[in-house]
């Protein structure tokens, strides 16, 4: 940000951009404005977009395939990094918490998969006893 105070012309363009749909953070970056100054002026002059409607959320298809948790975890990490790169520390902290939670889920899933691959000890013992019985039978037959 520059040391010089923004001119009225910059404020006019900033207001027009914001009221036409640009985000406050985008306007601050584009016009080199301090976010606190931008929001203070927007509130003082009444150009907060209280009447702007949020887009309707996309419908959720319960039959759609779900990404693996590890992919979702990686997306959360990339979003945390992007927020940090844009100076949005609070948003980055939220994404970091999501990432850490997903790391826990991935660890549990991996542990469950490893456990599922381990044969049942009772089955292992039965297979061992059967193999020993085969070896004994083979040695007696010779």
C-alpha atoms as a PDB file:
ATOM      1  CA  UNK A   1       0.000   0.000   0.000  1.00  0.00           C
ATOM      2  CA  UNK A   2       1.192   3.464  -0.737  1.00  0.00           C
ATOM      3  CA  UNK A   3       1.738   6.125   1.887  1.00  0.00           C
ATOM      4  CA  UNK A   4      -0.448   8.616   0.031  1.00  0.00           C
ATOM      5  CA  UNK A   5      -4.141   8.775   0.911  1.00  0.00           C
ATOM      6  CA  UNK A   6      -6.480   7.423  -1.800  1.00  0.00           C
ATOM      7  CA  UNK A   7      -8.059  10.090  -3.964  1.00  0.00           C
ATOM      8  CA  UNK A   8     -11.792  10.565  -4.385  1.00  0.00           C
ATOM      9  CA  UNK A   9     -11.449   9.120  -7.898  1.00  0.00           C
ATOM     10  CA  UNK A  10      -9.981   5.879  -6.514  1.00  0.00           C
ATOM     11  CA  UNK A  11     -12.780   5.680  -3.955  1.00  0.00           C
ATOM     12  CA  UNK A  12     -15.373   6.149  -6.707  1.00  0.00           C
ATOM     13  CA  UNK A  13     -13.887   3.288  -8.717  1.00  0.00           C
ATOM     14  CA  UNK A  14     -13.524   1.126  -5.587  1.00  0.00           C
ATOM     15  CA  UNK A  15     -17.168   1.736  -4.625  1.00  0.00           C
ATOM     16  CA  UNK A  16     -18.369   0.966  -8.164  1.00  0.00           C
ATOM     17  CA  UNK A  17     -16.347  -2.247  -8.297  1.00  0.00           C
ATOM     18  CA  UNK A  18     -17.609  -3.375  -4.911  1.00  0.00           C
ATOM     19  CA  UNK A  19     -21.256  -2.560  -5.616  1.00  0.00           C
ATOM     20  CA  UNK A  20     -21.042  -4.329  -8.989  1.00  0.00           C
ATOM     21  CA  UNK A  21     -20.082  -7.561  -7.256  1.00  0.00           C
ATOM     22  CA  UNK A  22     -16.326  -7.560  -6.570  1.00  0.00           C
ATOM     23  CA  UNK A  23     -15.312  -8.778  -3.139  1.00  0.00           C
ATOM     24  CA  UNK A  24     -13.904  -6.366  -0.597  1.00  0.00           C
ATOM     25  CA  UNK A  25     -10.548  -8.158  -0.549  1.00  0.00           C
ATOM     26  CA  UNK A  26     -10.348  -7.976  -4.351  1.00  0.00           C
ATOM     27  CA  UNK A  27     -11.130  -4.242  -4.340  1.00  0.00           C
ATOM     28  CA  UNK A  28      -8.507  -3.629  -1.651  1.00  0.00           C
ATOM     29  CA  UNK A  29      -5.858  -5.478  -3.668  1.00  0.00           C
ATOM     30  CA  UNK A  30      -6.747  -3.831  -6.965  1.00  0.00           C
ATOM     31  CA  UNK A  31      -6.903  -0.280  -5.636  1.00  0.00           C
ATOM     32  CA  UNK A  32      -4.146  -0.679  -3.044  1.00  0.00           C
ATOM     33  CA  UNK A  33      -6.439   0.103  -0.117  1.00  0.00           C
ATOM     34  CA  UNK A  34      -6.125  -0.985   3.497  1.00  0.00           C
ATOM     35  CA  UNK A  35      -9.014  -3.364   4.260  1.00  0.00           C
ATOM     36  CA  UNK A  36      -9.870  -1.567   7.507  1.00  0.00           C
ATOM     37  CA  UNK A  37     -10.038   1.761   5.676  1.00  0.00           C
ATOM     38  CA  UNK A  38     -12.121   0.245   2.894  1.00  0.00           C
ATOM     39  CA  UNK A  39     -14.674  -1.285   5.267  1.00  0.00           C
ATOM     40  CA  UNK A  40     -14.843   1.827   7.419  1.00  0.00           C
ATOM     41  CA  UNK A  41     -15.585   4.000   4.377  1.00  0.00           C
ATOM     42  CA  UNK A  42     -18.049   1.459   2.938  1.00  0.00           C
ATOM     43  CA  UNK A  43     -19.967   1.423   6.222  1.00  0.00           C
ATOM     44  CA  UNK A  44     -19.840   5.219   6.628  1.00  0.00           C
ATOM     45  CA  UNK A  45     -21.147   5.830   3.119  1.00  0.00           C
ATOM     46  CA  UNK A  46     -23.664   2.983   3.270  1.00  0.00           C
ATOM     47  CA  UNK A  47     -22.386   0.903   0.392  1.00  0.00           C
ATOM     48  CA  UNK A  48     -22.535  -2.419   2.110  1.00  0.00           C
ATOM     49  CA  UNK A  49     -24.295  -5.007  -0.020  1.00  0.00           C
ATOM     50  CA  UNK A  50     -26.887  -6.166   2.488  1.00  0.00           C
ATOM     51  CA  UNK A  51     -29.417  -6.701  -0.265  1.00  0.00           C
ATOM     52  CA  UNK A  52     -27.176  -8.954  -2.355  1.00  0.00           C
ATOM     53  CA  UNK A  53     -28.610 -12.431  -2.549  1.00  0.00           C
ATOM     54  CA  UNK A  54     -26.391 -15.439  -2.091  1.00  0.00           C
ATOM     55  CA  UNK A  55     -26.383 -17.930  -4.922  1.00  0.00           C
ATOM     56  CA  UNK A  56     -28.477 -21.003  -4.260  1.00  0.00           C
ATOM     57  CA  UNK A  57     -26.328 -23.931  -3.161  1.00  0.00           C
ATOM     58  CA  UNK A  58     -25.884 -26.692  -5.669  1.00  0.00           C
ATOM     59  CA  UNK A  59     -28.124 -29.658  -4.956  1.00  0.00           C
ATOM     60  CA  UNK A  60     -26.376 -32.610  -3.379  1.00  0.00           C
ATOM     61  CA  UNK A  61     -26.637 -35.878  -5.253  1.00  0.00           C
ATOM     62  CA  UNK A  62     -26.581 -38.628  -2.610  1.00  0.00           C
ATOM     63  CA  UNK A  63     -25.720 -41.184  -5.315  1.00  0.00           C
ATOM     64  CA  UNK A  64     -22.658 -39.280  -6.570  1.00  0.00           C
ATOM     65  CA  UNK A  65     -19.294 -40.838  -5.783  1.00  0.00           C
ATOM     66  CA  UNK A  66     -17.405 -39.259  -2.908  1.00  0.00           C
ATOM     67  CA  UNK A  67     -13.731 -38.365  -3.236  1.00  0.00           C
ATOM     68  CA  UNK A  68     -11.324 -40.319  -1.074  1.00  0.00           C
ATOM     69  CA  UNK A  69     -10.622 -38.580   2.221  1.00  0.00           C
ATOM     70  CA  UNK A  70      -6.936 -38.172   1.312  1.00  0.00           C
ATOM     71  CA  UNK A  71      -7.913 -36.121  -1.769  1.00  0.00           C
ATOM     72  CA  UNK A  72     -10.191 -33.907   0.315  1.00  0.00           C
ATOM     73  CA  UNK A  73      -7.398 -33.511   2.900  1.00  0.00           C
ATOM     74  CA  UNK A  74      -5.023 -32.347   0.154  1.00  0.00           C
ATOM     75  CA  UNK A  75      -7.590 -29.846  -1.130  1.00  0.00           C
ATOM     76  CA  UNK A  76      -7.914 -28.374   2.359  1.00  0.00           C
ATOM     77  CA  UNK A  77      -4.128 -27.979   2.515  1.00  0.00           C
ATOM     78  CA  UNK A  78      -4.035 -26.207  -0.867  1.00  0.00           C
ATOM     79  CA  UNK A  79      -6.834 -23.866   0.223  1.00  0.00           C
ATOM     80  CA  UNK A  80      -4.962 -23.106   3.457  1.00  0.00           C
ATOM     81  CA  UNK A  81      -1.841 -22.249   1.462  1.00  0.00           C
ATOM     82  CA  UNK A  82      -3.832 -20.077  -0.958  1.00  0.00           C
ATOM     83  CA  UNK A  83      -5.419 -18.175   1.935  1.00  0.00           C
ATOM     84  CA  UNK A  84      -1.979 -17.604   3.484  1.00  0.00           C
ATOM     85  CA  UNK A  85      -0.612 -16.399   0.142  1.00  0.00           C
ATOM     86  CA  UNK A  86      -3.404 -13.833  -0.034  1.00  0.00           C
ATOM     87  CA  UNK A  87      -2.881 -12.635   3.532  1.00  0.00           C
ATOM     88  CA  UNK A  88      -6.078 -14.178   4.900  1.00  0.00           C
ATOM     89  CA  UNK A  89      -4.703 -15.674   8.121  1.00  0.00           C
ATOM     90  CA  UNK A  90      -8.067 -16.342   9.768  1.00  0.00           C
ATOM     91  CA  UNK A  91      -9.310 -18.251   6.729  1.00  0.00           C
ATOM     92  CA  UNK A  92      -6.000 -20.141   6.591  1.00  0.00           C
ATOM     93  CA  UNK A  93      -6.413 -21.123  10.244  1.00  0.00           C
ATOM     94  CA  UNK A  94      -9.880 -22.513   9.529  1.00  0.00           C
ATOM     95  CA  UNK A  95      -8.572 -24.552   6.583  1.00  0.00           C
ATOM     96  CA  UNK A  96      -5.696 -25.803   8.741  1.00  0.00           C
ATOM     97  CA  UNK A  97      -8.180 -27.107  11.331  1.00  0.00           C
ATOM     98  CA  UNK A  98     -10.136 -28.864   8.560  1.00  0.00           C
ATOM     99  CA  UNK A  99      -6.886 -30.337   7.230  1.00  0.00           C
ATOM    100  CA  UNK A 100      -5.847 -31.613  10.671  1.00  0.00           C
ATOM    101  CA  UNK A 101      -9.263 -33.226  11.185  1.00  0.00           C
ATOM    102  CA  UNK A 102      -9.042 -34.906   7.803  1.00  0.00           C
ATOM    103  CA  UNK A 103      -5.514 -36.138   8.627  1.00  0.00           C
ATOM    104  CA  UNK A 104      -6.998 -37.918  11.651  1.00  0.00           C
ATOM    105  CA  UNK A 105      -9.695 -39.495   9.475  1.00  0.00           C
ATOM    106  CA  UNK A 106      -7.126 -40.623   6.882  1.00  0.00           C
ATOM    107  CA  UNK A 107      -4.957 -42.192   9.622  1.00  0.00           C
ATOM    108  CA  UNK A 108      -7.980 -44.089  10.969  1.00  0.00           C
ATOM    109  CA  UNK A 109      -8.918 -45.257   7.463  1.00  0.00           C
ATOM    110  CA  UNK A 110      -5.357 -46.434   6.793  1.00  0.00           C
ATOM    111  CA  UNK A 111      -5.208 -48.283  10.121  1.00  0.00           C
ATOM    112  CA  UNK A 112      -8.550 -49.955   9.365  1.00  0.00           C
ATOM    113  CA  UNK A 113      -7.309 -50.972   5.896  1.00  0.00           C
ATOM    114  CA  UNK A 114      -4.127 -52.467   7.362  1.00  0.00           C
ATOM    115  CA  UNK A 115      -6.154 -54.299   9.991  1.00  0.00           C
ATOM    116  CA  UNK A 116      -8.530 -55.599   7.305  1.00  0.00           C
ATOM    117  CA  UNK A 117      -5.545 -56.979   5.367  1.00  0.00           C
ATOM    118  CA  UNK A 118      -4.238 -58.844   8.434  1.00  0.00           C
ATOM    119  CA  UNK A 119      -5.522 -62.399   8.453  1.00  0.00           C
ATOM    120  CA  UNK A 120      -7.512 -63.577  11.411  1.00  0.00           C
ATOM    121  CA  UNK A 121      -5.151 -65.168  14.005  1.00  0.00           C
ATOM    122  CA  UNK A 122      -7.506 -68.136  14.398  1.00  0.00           C
ATOM    123  CA  UNK A 123      -7.424 -68.690  10.634  1.00  0.00           C
ATOM    124  CA  UNK A 124      -3.634 -68.382  10.634  1.00  0.00           C
ATOM    125  CA  UNK A 125      -3.372 -70.983  13.410  1.00  0.00           C
ATOM    126  CA  UNK A 126      -5.731 -73.358  11.595  1.00  0.00           C
ATOM    127  CA  UNK A 127      -3.742 -72.973   8.346  1.00  0.00           C
ATOM    128  CA  UNK A 128      -0.490 -73.591  10.240  1.00  0.00           C
ATOM    129  CA  UNK A 129      -1.843 -76.736  11.883  1.00  0.00           C
ATOM    130  CA  UNK A 130      -3.122 -77.996   8.523  1.00  0.00           C
ATOM    131  CA  UNK A 131       0.280 -77.406   6.898  1.00  0.00           C
ATOM    132  CA  UNK A 132       2.079 -79.206   9.756  1.00  0.00           C
ATOM    133  CA  UNK A 133      -0.349 -82.128   9.412  1.00  0.00           C
ATOM    134  CA  UNK A 134       0.377 -82.251   5.649  1.00  0.00           C
ATOM    135  CA  UNK A 135       4.134 -82.255   6.268  1.00  0.00           C
ATOM    136  CA  UNK A 136       3.806 -85.055   8.841  1.00  0.00           C
ATOM    137  CA  UNK A 137       1.641 -87.078   6.445  1.00  0.00           C
ATOM    138  CA  UNK A 138       4.155 -86.537   3.633  1.00  0.00           C
ATOM    139  CA  UNK A 139       7.086 -87.610   5.820  1.00  0.00           C
ATOM    140  CA  UNK A 140       5.295 -90.765   6.926  1.00  0.00           C
ATOM    141  CA  UNK A 141       4.373 -91.619   3.351  1.00  0.00           C
ATOM    142  CA  UNK A 142       7.990 -91.649   2.235  1.00  0.00           C
END
